[in-house]
Protein backbone atom coordinates (compact mmCIF):
# COMPACT_ATOMS: atom_id res chain seq x y z
CA UNK A 1 156.75 287.55 142.67
CA UNK A 2 154.66 284.26 142.77
CA UNK A 3 154.24 282.83 139.84
CA UNK A 4 154.44 279.12 140.96
CA UNK A 5 151.15 280.11 142.73
CA UNK A 6 149.46 281.62 140.19
CA UNK A 7 146.22 280.43 138.30
CA UNK A 8 145.09 282.96 135.48
CA UNK A 9 141.27 282.46 133.95
CA UNK A 10 141.55 284.09 130.45
CA UNK A 11 138.01 285.85 129.70
CA UNK A 12 137.39 287.43 125.74
CA UNK A 13 134.37 289.43 125.80
CA UNK A 14 132.44 288.94 122.13
CA UNK A 15 129.21 290.11 121.01
CA UNK A 16 127.17 289.00 118.89
CA UNK A 17 128.70 289.00 115.50
CA UNK A 18 125.57 290.36 113.82
CA UNK A 19 125.22 293.57 115.47
CA UNK A 20 129.00 294.47 115.92
CA UNK A 21 131.46 296.54 114.00
CA UNK A 22 128.73 299.43 113.13
CA UNK A 23 130.73 301.80 112.56
CA UNK A 24 132.88 300.27 109.83
CA UNK A 25 129.11 299.94 107.56
CA UNK A 26 130.32 302.65 105.03
CA UNK A 27 133.46 300.18 104.05
CA UNK A 28 131.94 296.53 104.89
CA UNK A 29 128.60 294.78 104.36
CA UNK A 30 126.54 293.58 107.40
CA UNK A 31 127.83 289.87 106.31
CA UNK A 32 131.31 291.50 106.20
CA UNK A 33 131.58 292.96 109.54
CA UNK A 34 130.28 290.00 110.99
CA UNK A 35 132.76 287.96 109.20
CA UNK A 36 135.92 290.26 110.19
CA UNK A 37 134.39 290.24 113.89
CA UNK A 38 134.27 286.48 114.05
CA UNK A 39 137.69 286.45 112.10
CA UNK A 40 139.48 288.40 114.64
CA UNK A 41 137.94 286.56 117.63
CA UNK A 42 139.22 283.09 116.31
CA UNK A 43 142.60 284.94 115.95
CA UNK A 44 142.95 286.55 119.45
CA UNK A 45 141.64 282.74 120.87
CA UNK A 46 144.46 281.04 119.07
CA UNK A 47 146.67 283.47 120.30
CA UNK A 48 146.11 282.82 123.94
CA UNK A 49 146.02 278.76 123.66
CA UNK A 50 149.53 279.19 121.74
CA UNK A 51 150.52 281.18 124.78
CA UNK A 52 149.56 278.89 127.17
CA UNK A 53 149.77 281.49 130.06
CA UNK A 54 146.15 280.86 131.31
CA UNK A 55 145.07 277.58 132.86
CA UNK A 56 141.10 278.41 131.84
CA UNK A 57 140.48 280.66 128.73
CA UNK A 58 137.09 281.54 128.23
CA UNK A 59 134.44 283.32 125.76
CA UNK A 60 131.95 285.70 127.49
CA UNK A 61 128.66 286.62 125.56
CA UNK A 62 125.16 286.30 125.54
CA UNK A 63 125.23 285.26 122.02
CA UNK A 64 124.42 281.48 120.39
CA UNK A 65 126.49 282.37 117.43
CA UNK A 66 129.57 283.16 119.69
CA UNK A 67 128.97 280.08 121.92
CA UNK A 68 129.46 277.89 118.97
CA UNK A 69 132.72 280.04 118.07
CA UNK A 70 133.88 279.06 121.52
CA UNK A 71 133.45 275.71 121.55
CA UNK A 72 134.95 275.20 118.25
CA UNK A 73 138.08 276.97 119.68
CA UNK A 74 138.40 274.95 122.92
CA UNK A 75 137.23 277.74 125.10
CA UNK A 76 134.81 277.82 127.55
CA UNK A 77 131.58 279.76 127.16
CA UNK A 78 130.03 282.44 129.97
CA UNK A 79 126.51 283.14 129.48
CA UNK A 80 127.09 287.22 130.02
CA UNK A 81 123.66 287.38 131.42
CA UNK A 82 124.12 284.40 133.94
CA UNK A 83 127.11 286.11 135.37
CA UNK A 84 126.21 289.90 135.01
CA UNK A 85 124.62 291.53 138.15
CA UNK A 86 123.45 294.04 135.22
CA UNK A 87 123.41 294.24 131.55
CA UNK A 88 126.73 295.78 130.05
CA UNK A 89 130.61 294.88 129.87
CA UNK A 90 131.81 296.11 133.32
CA UNK A 91 128.92 294.08 134.77
CA UNK A 92 129.86 290.76 132.92
CA UNK A 93 133.53 291.12 133.16
CA UNK A 94 133.02 291.62 137.01
CA UNK A 95 130.77 288.43 137.00
CA UNK A 96 133.26 286.61 135.34
CA UNK A 97 136.03 287.49 137.83
CA UNK A 98 133.24 285.90 140.82
CA UNK A 99 133.31 283.03 138.85
CA UNK A 100 136.78 282.59 138.34
CA UNK A 101 137.61 283.21 141.93
CA UNK A 102 135.11 280.86 143.13
CA UNK A 103 136.95 278.11 141.28
CA UNK A 104 140.32 279.09 142.94
CA UNK A 105 141.52 281.96 139.85
CA UNK A 106 143.68 283.82 141.73
CA UNK A 107 143.96 286.25 138.55
CA UNK A 108 141.74 287.12 135.71
CA UNK A 109 143.21 287.82 131.84
CA UNK A 110 140.66 290.08 129.97
CA UNK A 111 141.68 290.44 126.26
CA UNK A 112 139.12 291.95 123.82
CA UNK A 113 138.39 290.31 120.72
CA UNK A 114 138.92 292.56 118.40
CA UNK A 115 142.71 292.58 118.41
CA UNK A 116 143.82 291.11 115.20
CA UNK A 117 147.94 292.05 115.29
CA UNK A 118 147.60 289.96 118.85
CA UNK A 119 150.15 287.17 119.07
CA UNK A 120 151.05 284.93 121.79
CA UNK A 121 154.50 286.42 122.25
CA UNK A 122 152.52 289.66 123.10
CA UNK A 123 150.45 287.91 125.23
CA UNK A 124 153.52 286.38 127.57
CA UNK A 125 154.97 289.69 127.49
CA UNK A 126 151.95 290.97 129.57
CA UNK A 127 151.98 288.22 131.45
CA UNK A 128 155.77 288.06 132.21
CA UNK A 129 155.41 291.86 133.58
CA UNK A 130 152.71 290.77 135.52
CA UNK A 131 154.62 288.27 137.60
CA UNK A 132 157.43 290.20 137.83
CA UNK A 133 155.72 292.74 139.71
CA UNK A 134 156.60 293.46 143.32
CA UNK A 135 153.99 292.51 146.62
CA UNK A 136 150.12 291.22 145.78
CA UNK A 137 147.63 293.11 144.12
CA UNK A 138 149.25 293.50 140.60
CA UNK A 139 147.88 294.62 137.25
CA UNK A 140 149.07 294.98 134.07
CA UNK A 141 147.20 297.11 131.27
CA UNK A 142 147.62 297.50 127.39
CA UNK A 143 146.30 300.64 126.55
CA UNK A 144 144.49 301.13 122.87
CA UNK A 145 145.24 304.21 120.72
CA UNK A 146 142.18 306.05 121.83
CA UNK A 147 142.65 305.32 125.40
CA UNK A 148 140.79 302.18 125.83
CA UNK A 149 142.14 299.05 127.60
CA UNK A 150 142.59 296.43 125.38
CA UNK A 151 144.12 293.83 127.64
CA UNK A 152 143.70 294.06 131.78
CA UNK A 153 145.73 291.23 133.77
CA UNK A 154 144.35 291.90 137.66
CA UNK A 155 145.30 290.09 140.44
CA UNK A 156 142.10 289.49 143.02
CA UNK A 157 140.21 290.20 139.88
CA UNK A 158 137.04 289.94 142.30
CA UNK A 159 137.79 292.90 144.34
CA UNK A 160 138.65 295.16 141.09
CA UNK A 161 136.13 297.73 139.93
CA UNK A 162 136.16 297.41 135.93
CA UNK A 163 135.30 300.50 134.35
CA UNK A 164 135.58 299.68 130.43
CA UNK A 165 134.23 302.32 128.26
CA UNK A 166 135.64 305.54 126.49
CA UNK A 167 138.97 306.45 128.53
CA UNK A 168 139.08 303.62 130.38
CA UNK A 169 142.45 302.85 130.66
CA UNK A 170 143.06 306.23 132.85
CA UNK A 171 139.81 305.03 135.07
CA UNK A 172 141.59 301.70 135.30
CA UNK A 173 144.73 303.53 136.32
CA UNK A 174 142.64 305.55 138.81
CA UNK A 175 141.30 302.07 140.21
CA UNK A 176 144.56 300.65 140.61
CA UNK A 177 145.59 303.85 142.98
CA UNK A 178 142.23 303.80 144.82
CA UNK A 179 142.90 299.85 145.77
CA UNK A 180 146.74 300.56 146.28
CA UNK A 181 147.25 298.27 143.38
CA UNK A 182 151.09 297.96 141.80
CA UNK A 183 150.23 298.37 138.32
CA UNK A 184 152.03 298.51 135.09
CA UNK A 185 151.44 299.89 131.46
CA UNK A 186 152.40 298.03 128.11
CA UNK A 187 152.54 299.12 124.58
CA UNK A 188 153.18 296.82 121.88
CA UNK A 189 151.97 297.31 117.84
CA UNK A 190 150.21 293.82 118.65
CA UNK A 191 148.37 295.19 121.49
CA UNK A 192 147.55 298.92 120.63
CA UNK A 193 145.26 298.30 117.52
CA UNK A 194 141.61 297.22 118.24
CA UNK A 195 139.35 297.53 114.62
CA UNK A 196 136.55 299.76 115.28
CA UNK A 197 136.78 302.89 112.82
CA UNK A 198 137.69 303.40 108.75
CA UNK A 199 141.37 304.75 109.99
CA UNK A 200 141.74 301.30 111.79
CA UNK A 201 140.42 299.07 109.26
CA UNK A 202 143.13 300.93 106.65
CA UNK A 203 145.71 299.89 109.14
CA UNK A 204 144.00 296.45 109.85
CA UNK A 205 144.77 296.06 105.64
CA UNK A 206 148.54 297.74 105.62
CA UNK A 207 149.11 294.57 108.75
CA UNK A 208 147.66 291.96 106.55
CA UNK A 209 149.79 293.05 103.47
CA UNK A 210 152.93 292.90 105.71
CA UNK A 211 152.11 289.66 107.13
CA UNK A 212 151.25 290.96 110.79
CA UNK A 213 148.07 290.08 111.21
CA UNK A 214 146.27 286.52 112.32
CA UNK A 215 145.88 284.02 109.95
CA UNK A 216 141.89 284.30 110.08
CA UNK A 217 141.65 287.91 109.57
CA UNK A 218 144.16 288.08 106.68
CA UNK A 219 142.53 284.81 104.85
CA UNK A 220 138.95 286.98 105.38
CA UNK A 221 140.55 290.63 104.21
CA UNK A 222 142.15 288.51 100.95
CA UNK A 223 138.52 288.19 100.14
CA UNK A 224 137.15 291.82 100.12
CA UNK A 225 138.38 293.95 97.25
CA UNK A 226 140.61 296.73 98.57
CA UNK A 227 139.51 298.97 96.10
CA UNK A 228 135.88 298.80 96.45
CA UNK A 229 136.65 299.44 100.27
CA UNK A 230 139.14 302.38 99.47
CA UNK A 231 136.43 303.66 97.67
CA UNK A 232 133.71 303.41 100.21
CA UNK A 233 135.73 305.00 102.78
CA UNK A 234 136.43 307.88 100.89
CA UNK A 235 132.95 308.59 100.06
CA UNK A 236 132.36 308.46 103.78
CA UNK A 237 131.28 311.37 105.76
């Protein structure tokens, strides 16, 4: 445990809003899907800023619209095309890790942008878990409902190989074993729900009614007719 020396960069990868969340097309219009992606990203950035665990918060994207979001929320925009050696999320995150390490970061906190239940307390728990791991090379993973990796906090991030995609949590655990890293897993309601499918959307609407999702997302959902969404979901193949 070396918390006094930790320098954490937080990175939030964000796709262009106009092309994201295509699996929600049966329930939401293209405009509504873009608005939802933007609202969830704003809630994630707000949670990161409130948590105050990172010395630097970055948005990783190749979209001009997303760069505007970054500026509006006090984050730095990392142009994916300038940091990634090859196209794709894994190369982009690896590039961000190199940039962070070159600027004296000792750890990288990668947080997906579609976590509308994420809170500052949940982020703090991830970081506290990481800080209390023994030795160096510490890694904490927060798994999604479908076996993905919603949050990853890795020490010496430039040495880590990222394996985002289907089943990434298991592959990241394997990567920790390969590098002889100390790894811990955290699972919380605030970190487990990422919104990709119609079922996820229904769960999100339940959370909004219960007051447990971010304010930007809740405000947007209040403008969407739940009857129309439900009817479209039931009609979807």
